[in-house]
Protein backbone atom coordinates (compact mmCIF):
# COMPACT_ATOMS: atom_id res chain seq x y z
CA MET A 1 -25.58 4.03 18.77
CA SER A 2 -22.81 1.57 19.59
CA ARG A 3 -23.69 -1.91 20.83
CA ALA A 4 -21.89 -1.30 24.13
CA ALA A 5 -23.84 1.93 24.71
CA LEU A 6 -27.13 0.18 24.03
CA VAL A 7 -26.27 -2.54 26.54
CA LEU A 8 -25.39 0.04 29.22
CA ALA A 9 -28.59 1.99 28.56
CA CYS A 10 -30.64 -1.16 29.05
CA LEU A 11 -28.84 -1.96 32.29
CA ALA A 12 -28.93 1.53 33.76
CA LEU A 13 -32.51 1.38 35.02
CA PRO A 14 -32.82 -2.17 36.41
CA LEU A 15 -29.39 -2.35 38.05
CA PRO A 16 -29.89 0.05 41.01
CA PRO A 17 -33.08 -1.51 42.46
CA ILE A 18 -31.66 -5.03 42.18
CA VAL A 19 -28.52 -4.20 44.13
CA ALA A 20 -30.19 -1.81 46.54
CA THR A 21 -32.92 -4.30 47.42
CA ALA A 22 -30.46 -6.41 49.37
CA SER A 23 -29.47 -3.51 51.59
CA ALA A 24 -33.09 -2.37 51.89
CA GLY A 25 -33.81 -5.49 53.89
CA GLU A 26 -31.28 -4.34 56.45
CA ARG A 27 -32.78 -0.84 56.63
CA GLY A 28 -36.33 -2.15 56.49
CA GLU A 29 -37.72 1.28 55.58
CA ALA A 30 -36.48 2.05 52.06
CA SER A 31 -39.31 2.43 49.53
CA LEU A 32 -39.13 1.28 45.94
CA ALA A 33 -38.74 4.91 44.83
CA GLU A 34 -35.81 5.43 47.20
CA ARG A 35 -34.13 2.29 45.91
CA LEU A 36 -34.62 3.41 42.30
CA GLU A 37 -32.89 6.71 43.11
CA THR A 38 -29.93 5.20 45.01
CA ALA A 39 -26.72 4.16 43.28
CA PRO A 40 -25.77 0.54 44.04
CA GLU A 41 -23.19 0.48 46.83
CA ILE A 42 -21.51 -2.07 49.06
CA GLY A 43 -19.52 -1.45 52.21
CA THR A 44 -19.68 1.16 54.95
CA GLN A 45 -19.49 4.95 55.05
CA ASP A 46 -15.66 4.90 55.12
CA ARG A 47 -15.04 1.77 53.06
CA TYR A 48 -17.24 1.31 50.02
CA LEU A 49 -17.61 0.65 46.31
CA ARG A 50 -20.33 2.60 44.50
CA LEU A 51 -21.43 2.04 40.90
CA SER A 52 -23.22 4.96 39.24
CA PRO A 53 -24.70 4.64 35.73
CA TYR A 54 -24.97 7.79 33.63
CA VAL A 55 -26.72 7.78 30.25
CA GLN A 56 -27.67 10.69 27.97
CA PHE A 57 -30.02 10.30 25.01
CA ASP A 58 -29.87 13.24 22.55
CA GLY A 59 -32.12 14.11 19.65
CA GLY A 60 -32.62 17.28 17.68
CA TRP A 61 -32.72 19.16 14.43
CA ALA A 62 -30.90 22.09 12.83
CA SER A 63 -31.04 24.52 9.92
CA SER A 64 -28.49 26.95 8.53
CA SER A 65 -27.84 29.78 6.13
CA PRO A 66 -26.31 28.89 3.74
CA ASP A 67 -28.02 25.47 3.65
CA ASP A 68 -24.83 23.48 3.08
CA LEU A 69 -23.30 24.66 6.39
CA VAL A 70 -25.18 21.85 8.15
CA ALA A 71 -24.81 18.44 6.52
CA PRO A 72 -28.06 16.65 5.54
CA GLU A 73 -27.43 13.89 8.10
CA ASP A 74 -27.15 16.48 10.90
CA ARG A 75 -30.44 18.25 10.17
CA ARG A 76 -32.30 15.57 12.13
CA ASN A 77 -30.21 13.35 14.31
CA GLY A 78 -30.14 11.29 17.49
CA GLU A 79 -27.58 9.40 19.52
CA VAL A 80 -26.53 8.12 22.92
CA ARG A 81 -24.24 11.05 23.77
CA ARG A 82 -22.83 9.50 26.93
CA GLY A 83 -23.08 5.98 28.31
CA ARG A 84 -20.86 5.94 31.37
CA LEU A 85 -20.38 3.81 34.43
CA TYR A 86 -18.73 5.52 37.42
CA ALA A 87 -16.98 3.31 39.97
CA ASP A 88 -16.16 5.33 43.10
CA PHE A 89 -14.35 3.64 45.97
CA ALA A 90 -12.85 4.51 49.34
CA TYR A 91 -10.85 2.74 52.04
CA ASP A 92 -10.52 5.11 55.00
CA ASP A 93 -8.34 8.00 53.74
CA PHE A 94 -7.68 6.39 50.34
CA GLY A 95 -10.12 6.62 47.46
CA GLY A 96 -10.51 7.01 43.74
CA ARG A 97 -12.65 6.79 40.64
CA LEU A 98 -12.70 4.81 37.41
CA THR A 99 -15.18 5.91 34.74
CA LEU A 100 -15.68 4.19 31.40
CA ASP A 101 -17.77 5.64 28.57
CA PHE A 102 -19.30 2.87 26.45
CA ALA A 103 -20.95 5.35 24.07
CA ASN A 104 -17.53 6.73 23.04
CA TRP A 105 -15.52 3.56 23.48
CA GLU A 106 -13.39 3.83 20.34
CA GLU A 107 -12.15 7.40 20.96
CA GLU A 108 -12.60 8.22 24.67
CA ALA A 109 -13.18 4.99 26.55
CA VAL A 110 -11.73 6.33 29.82
CA THR A 111 -13.35 9.43 31.32
CA TYR A 112 -11.63 9.31 34.74
CA ALA A 113 -9.04 7.05 36.31
CA TYR A 114 -7.44 8.36 39.51
CA LEU A 115 -6.51 7.62 43.11
CA ASN A 116 -6.48 10.09 45.98
CA TYR A 117 -5.29 10.33 49.56
CA LYS A 118 -6.88 12.56 52.18
CA ILE A 119 -4.01 14.09 54.15
CA SER A 120 -6.28 16.28 56.29
CA GLU A 121 -9.77 17.78 56.25
CA ALA A 122 -8.41 20.63 54.11
CA LEU A 123 -5.93 18.81 51.83
CA THR A 124 -6.20 15.88 49.42
CA VAL A 125 -3.63 14.69 46.87
CA GLN A 126 -4.97 13.11 43.69
CA ALA A 127 -3.07 11.28 40.91
CA GLY A 128 -4.23 9.89 37.58
CA TYR A 129 -6.49 10.91 34.70
CA GLN A 130 -8.67 13.77 35.95
CA ASP A 131 -9.95 17.32 35.44
CA VAL A 132 -7.26 19.94 35.05
CA PRO A 133 -8.13 22.68 37.59
CA PHE A 134 -8.84 25.70 35.43
CA SER A 135 -12.53 26.44 34.83
CA LEU A 136 -15.87 26.17 36.60
CA GLN A 137 -17.73 24.41 33.80
CA ASN A 138 -14.99 21.79 33.43
CA ILE A 139 -14.84 21.09 37.17
CA MET A 140 -18.65 20.78 37.37
CA GLY A 141 -18.67 18.31 34.49
CA SER A 142 -21.69 17.12 32.56
CA ARG A 143 -23.50 15.57 35.54
CA SER A 144 -23.91 18.95 37.29
CA ALA A 145 -23.86 21.25 34.24
CA THR A 146 -26.40 24.08 34.16
CA PHE A 147 -26.71 23.97 30.33
CA ALA A 148 -26.75 21.04 27.92
CA GLU A 149 -23.44 22.08 26.34
CA ASP A 150 -20.49 24.10 27.64
CA GLY A 151 -19.99 27.70 26.56
CA LEU A 152 -18.11 28.51 23.37
CA ASN A 153 -15.00 29.40 25.37
CA SER A 154 -14.60 25.70 26.27
CA THR A 155 -12.49 25.30 23.11
CA LEU A 156 -9.87 27.50 24.84
CA GLN A 157 -10.02 25.63 28.15
CA LEU A 158 -7.91 22.68 29.20
CA ALA A 159 -9.06 19.13 28.62
CA ASP A 160 -8.69 16.31 31.14
CA ALA A 161 -5.16 14.94 31.50
CA VAL A 162 -2.95 12.54 33.44
CA GLY A 163 -1.29 14.29 36.38
CA VAL A 164 -0.94 14.95 40.07
CA VAL A 165 -2.93 17.67 41.82
CA ALA A 166 -3.32 19.05 45.34
CA LEU A 167 -6.92 19.86 46.33
CA MET A 168 -7.52 22.26 49.21
CA GLY A 169 -10.64 23.91 50.54
CA GLY A 170 -12.32 25.65 53.46
CA ASP A 171 -15.64 27.21 54.41
CA ARG A 172 -15.41 29.95 51.78
CA TRP A 173 -12.49 29.05 49.54
CA SER A 174 -10.87 26.37 47.40
CA PHE A 175 -7.51 25.98 45.72
CA GLN A 176 -6.31 23.30 43.29
CA ALA A 177 -2.93 23.11 41.58
CA GLY A 178 -1.09 20.40 39.69
CA VAL A 179 1.22 19.22 36.92
CA PHE A 180 -0.11 17.25 33.97
CA GLY A 181 0.79 15.37 30.82
CA GLY A 182 -1.70 14.43 28.09
CA ASP A 183 -4.90 12.51 27.40
CA ILE A 184 -4.86 8.91 28.66
CA ASN A 185 -6.84 7.91 25.55
CA ALA A 186 -4.18 9.37 23.23
CA GLN A 187 -0.70 10.44 24.43
CA PRO A 188 -0.67 10.50 28.24
CA PHE A 189 3.08 11.13 28.62
CA ASP A 190 4.32 12.36 25.23
CA ASP A 191 2.64 15.73 24.88
CA GLY A 192 4.74 18.10 26.95
CA VAL A 193 3.97 19.41 30.43
CA THR A 194 1.04 21.51 31.60
CA LEU A 195 0.82 23.43 34.88
CA GLY A 196 -2.66 24.35 36.04
CA ALA A 197 -4.14 26.09 39.08
CA ARG A 198 -7.56 27.39 40.12
CA ALA A 199 -8.56 29.45 43.16
CA THR A 200 -12.09 30.35 44.26
CA TYR A 201 -13.56 32.48 47.01
CA ALA A 202 -17.10 33.19 48.20
CA PRO A 203 -17.08 36.82 49.44
CA TRP A 204 -20.74 36.54 50.49
CA MET A 205 -22.60 33.54 51.91
CA GLU A 206 -25.93 33.60 53.73
CA GLY A 207 -27.86 30.41 54.34
CA GLU A 208 -27.81 28.50 51.04
CA ASP A 209 -27.10 31.62 48.97
CA ALA A 210 -23.58 32.51 47.85
CA VAL A 211 -21.54 34.67 45.47
CA HIS A 212 -18.57 32.93 43.82
CA LEU A 213 -15.36 34.37 42.35
CA GLY A 214 -12.74 32.26 40.63
CA LEU A 215 -9.47 32.52 38.71
CA GLY A 216 -7.69 29.84 36.70
CA LEU A 217 -4.15 29.99 35.27
CA ALA A 218 -2.41 27.43 33.10
CA GLY A 219 0.71 26.99 31.02
CA GLY A 220 1.36 24.21 28.53
CA PHE A 221 4.92 23.75 27.32
CA ASP A 222 6.49 21.66 24.55
CA ARG A 223 3.10 20.54 23.27
CA GLN A 224 3.63 18.04 20.46
CA GLU A 225 0.06 17.25 19.38
CA PRO A 226 -1.31 19.85 16.90
CA LEU A 227 -3.37 22.54 18.62
CA SER A 228 -6.53 23.88 16.97
CA PHE A 229 -9.59 25.78 18.19
CA SER A 230 -13.15 25.92 16.88
CA GLY A 231 -16.61 27.23 17.68
CA GLY A 232 -19.88 25.37 18.03
CA THR A 233 -23.61 25.44 17.35
CA GLY A 234 -25.11 24.56 20.74
CA THR A 235 -25.38 20.83 20.17
CA ASP A 236 -22.90 18.03 19.56
CA LEU A 237 -25.36 16.52 17.05
CA VAL A 238 -24.24 19.11 14.50
CA ALA A 239 -20.68 18.49 13.33
CA ALA A 240 -20.28 21.92 11.72
CA SER A 241 -17.87 24.43 13.28
CA PRO A 242 -18.91 27.94 12.17
CA ILE A 243 -15.40 29.27 12.92
CA SER A 244 -12.06 27.55 13.43
CA THR A 245 -8.32 28.03 13.32
CA GLY A 246 -5.76 26.02 11.42
CA ASP A 247 -3.40 23.69 13.24
CA PHE A 248 -0.64 25.11 15.42
CA THR A 249 2.02 22.43 14.92
CA GLY A 250 5.50 21.70 16.16
CA SER A 251 6.61 22.41 19.69
CA ALA A 252 3.95 24.78 21.04
CA LYS A 253 3.39 26.88 24.15
CA LEU A 254 -0.11 27.62 25.43
CA LEU A 255 -0.72 30.19 28.18
CA SER A 256 -4.27 30.64 29.46
CA ALA A 257 -6.25 32.58 32.06
CA ASN A 258 -9.89 32.14 33.06
CA ALA A 259 -12.08 34.38 35.24
CA GLU A 260 -15.29 33.17 36.93
CA LEU A 261 -18.31 34.92 38.44
CA ALA A 262 -21.27 32.96 39.74
CA ALA A 263 -24.05 33.23 42.30
CA THR A 264 -26.95 31.25 43.68
CA LEU A 265 -29.64 33.51 45.12
CA GLY A 266 -32.85 31.72 46.05
CA ARG A 267 -34.32 30.31 42.85
CA PHE A 268 -31.91 32.34 40.70
CA THR A 269 -28.53 31.12 39.37
CA LEU A 270 -25.95 33.30 37.62
CA GLN A 271 -22.86 31.83 35.95
CA SER A 272 -20.21 33.52 33.80
CA GLU A 273 -16.65 32.86 32.61
CA TYR A 274 -14.16 34.57 30.33
CA THR A 275 -11.07 32.86 28.89
CA VAL A 276 -7.98 34.30 27.20
CA SER A 277 -5.38 32.00 25.62
CA ARG A 278 -2.06 32.79 23.98
CA VAL A 279 -0.64 30.10 21.68
CA GLU A 280 2.84 30.18 20.19
CA ALA A 281 3.95 27.38 17.88
CA ARG A 282 7.13 26.64 16.00
CA ASP A 283 5.02 25.89 12.90
CA GLY A 284 1.71 27.71 12.59
CA GLY A 285 2.55 31.08 14.10
CA GLU A 286 1.05 32.65 17.19
CA ALA A 287 -2.29 34.10 18.24
CA THR A 288 -4.25 35.48 21.16
CA LEU A 289 -7.76 34.02 21.37
CA HIS A 290 -10.58 34.84 23.77
CA GLY A 291 -14.23 34.14 24.55
CA GLY A 292 -16.78 33.85 27.31
CA TYR A 293 -20.41 33.44 28.32
CA LEU A 294 -23.02 34.92 30.65
CA SER A 295 -25.94 32.77 31.75
CA ALA A 296 -28.93 33.18 34.05
CA LEU A 297 -31.37 30.50 35.23
CA LEU A 298 -34.55 30.63 37.31
CA PHE A 299 -36.40 27.79 39.04
CA LEU A 300 -40.14 28.00 38.50
CA THR A 301 -40.63 25.66 41.43
CA ASP A 302 -39.49 25.94 45.05
CA ASP A 303 -35.95 24.73 44.33
CA HIS A 304 -32.42 25.96 44.80
CA ARG A 305 -29.03 25.12 43.33
CA VAL A 306 -26.56 24.23 46.11
CA TYR A 307 -23.08 25.78 46.16
CA GLU A 308 -20.13 23.80 47.54
CA ALA A 309 -17.50 26.35 48.62
CA LYS A 310 -14.88 23.74 49.50
CA GLU A 311 -14.81 22.65 45.82
CA GLY A 312 -15.82 25.97 44.27
CA GLN A 313 -18.72 24.61 42.23
CA PHE A 314 -22.47 23.99 42.08
CA GLU A 315 -23.83 20.57 43.01
CA ARG A 316 -26.33 18.48 41.07
CA VAL A 317 -29.95 19.54 41.32
CA LYS A 318 -32.18 17.34 43.48
CA PRO A 319 -35.81 18.50 43.40
CA ALA A 320 -37.48 19.54 46.63
CA HIS A 321 -40.71 17.83 45.55
CA SER A 322 -39.75 14.73 43.56
CA VAL A 323 -42.29 12.99 41.36
CA SER A 324 -41.43 9.80 43.25
CA LYS A 325 -42.82 11.45 46.39
CA GLY A 326 -45.96 12.88 44.84
CA GLY A 327 -44.53 16.22 43.63
CA ILE A 328 -43.92 17.63 40.17
CA GLY A 329 -40.13 17.81 40.30
CA ALA A 330 -38.05 20.93 39.62
CA PHE A 331 -38.66 23.16 36.58
CA GLU A 332 -36.02 25.65 35.46
CA ILE A 333 -35.75 28.12 32.60
CA GLY A 334 -32.62 29.94 31.50
CA ALA A 335 -30.74 31.86 28.83
CA ARG A 336 -27.09 32.21 27.90
CA LEU A 337 -25.14 34.61 25.68
CA ASP A 338 -21.84 33.33 24.22
CA GLY A 339 -19.02 34.95 22.31
CA LEU A 340 -15.80 33.55 20.79
CA ASP A 341 -13.09 35.50 18.96
CA LEU A 342 -10.46 33.58 16.96
CA THR A 343 -9.70 36.38 14.51
CA ASP A 344 -6.07 36.71 15.61
CA ALA A 345 -5.36 33.31 14.07
CA GLU A 346 -4.96 32.83 10.34
CA ASP A 347 -8.36 32.17 8.70
CA GLY A 348 -9.99 32.46 12.13
CA GLY A 349 -13.28 34.20 12.80
CA ALA A 350 -15.67 35.33 15.50
CA GLU A 351 -19.15 34.18 16.47
CA ILE A 352 -21.91 34.94 18.93
CA ALA A 353 -24.61 32.58 20.16
CA GLY A 354 -27.79 32.82 22.21
CA THR A 355 -29.33 29.82 23.96
CA ALA A 356 -32.71 29.37 25.63
CA ILE A 357 -33.23 26.31 27.84
CA LEU A 358 -35.90 24.47 29.83
CA ASN A 359 -34.82 21.87 32.40
CA TRP A 360 -37.13 19.47 34.19
CA TYR A 361 -35.77 17.38 37.06
CA PRO A 362 -38.64 14.98 37.91
CA THR A 363 -36.52 12.98 40.40
CA ASP A 364 -32.99 12.92 41.79
CA VAL A 365 -31.78 10.74 38.91
CA LEU A 366 -33.77 11.97 35.90
CA ARG A 367 -33.36 15.16 33.88
CA PHE A 368 -35.08 16.28 30.69
CA THR A 369 -33.77 19.25 28.71
CA ALA A 370 -35.01 21.23 25.73
CA SER A 371 -32.78 23.99 24.36
CA HIS A 372 -32.49 26.11 21.24
CA THR A 373 -29.33 27.94 20.11
CA TYR A 374 -28.99 30.64 17.47
CA THR A 375 -25.40 31.10 16.22
CA GLU A 376 -24.07 33.78 13.89
CA VAL A 377 -20.58 34.33 12.48
CA THR A 378 -19.72 38.00 13.01
CA ALA A 379 -16.21 38.15 11.50
CA GLY A 380 -13.91 36.07 9.32
CA PRO A 381 -14.11 34.25 5.98
CA ASP A 382 -17.66 33.00 6.68
CA GLU A 383 -19.11 36.20 8.14
CA GLY A 384 -22.90 36.16 8.04
CA ASP A 385 -23.32 32.37 8.33
CA ARG A 386 -26.11 31.39 10.73
CA VAL A 387 -27.23 28.16 12.43
CA ASN A 388 -30.39 27.37 14.39
CA ALA A 389 -30.16 24.17 16.44
CA THR A 390 -32.70 22.55 18.76
CA LEU A 391 -31.65 19.88 21.26
CA LEU A 392 -33.83 17.48 23.25
CA ARG A 393 -32.10 15.41 25.93
CA ALA A 394 -33.11 12.71 28.42
CA THR A 395 -30.61 11.91 31.16
CA ILE A 396 -30.33 9.14 33.73
CA VAL A 397 -27.69 10.22 36.25
CA TYR A 398 -26.63 8.73 39.60
């Protein structure tokens, strides 16, 4: 754990009640529990500055066959996975976000840094370091994610980048499109040009239930940073990649498509994506890579995951009966099946993975997760390799 992450973790809990106490005097009705679950904010509804801590503590263990696939230091491990501070601000139709990650300060200090302008109720223009509109799990981000880790196909999906994007949405649809450069933490303007777009539509909505369809398209041109793709084991605590490609170097072109299907039906949540990417590089050849996941989750309590059609994504879970109000919070179980095929690349392989998960949301700002992932290499040089990984996570999220 870095010193900066430890400091942020210590500040995350006491900061909100201290700042919110001042405004509670004006409201005169806010309880201590409500103040603990409210991000510190100054200003009015249209002009404000809000500070939102976000800390994830991860611990877990793993085993593999053969034994040397997982390093000894990864067989039992723990870390502060994320230690972020979100600063969201607005001044009438202008707004923006700056997010710093103190747990990953040396490599990815900046998570978001953008400004936006609301042209109309249906159209906003946003510029800076932000999500590239392409996939559901990337747009939802880690604060609203249904599972502890993204599906295996995330290696084929576009990372955040510096760019300009138009965001549009209505009662049943959303559309985002933009032009982007590179990572602000690495080469923001020297890694070619990427065009990305994502469209979603809810063909059926009734009450709080909805069915979601989505399609993302992207093209990266004149990419200078080496491109490589790898699988995973269900937890970031394990550094091993069961399958991977070599580097695609030189000027490279990357064309990608991503299909989405999701639904929220009472206590039940369905989420699925499939990604296909075609990479062509001056040095390193060419390959067509693909992968996807199918997941299902069920609340054991009287809770429901909210769908936001205007953004084409699920919102964060806030329990109907919070522990802070005398309830037991929200309990959720789920399972996910993943597949990733990199066999078209030299020395690539294929893997499948199955994940079981239990989520407990005791309050609006706390989440505890226990998950187990079984991964097996089904093709390639390391066919037959297997990893079992268990992850325990505690999250403070505003």
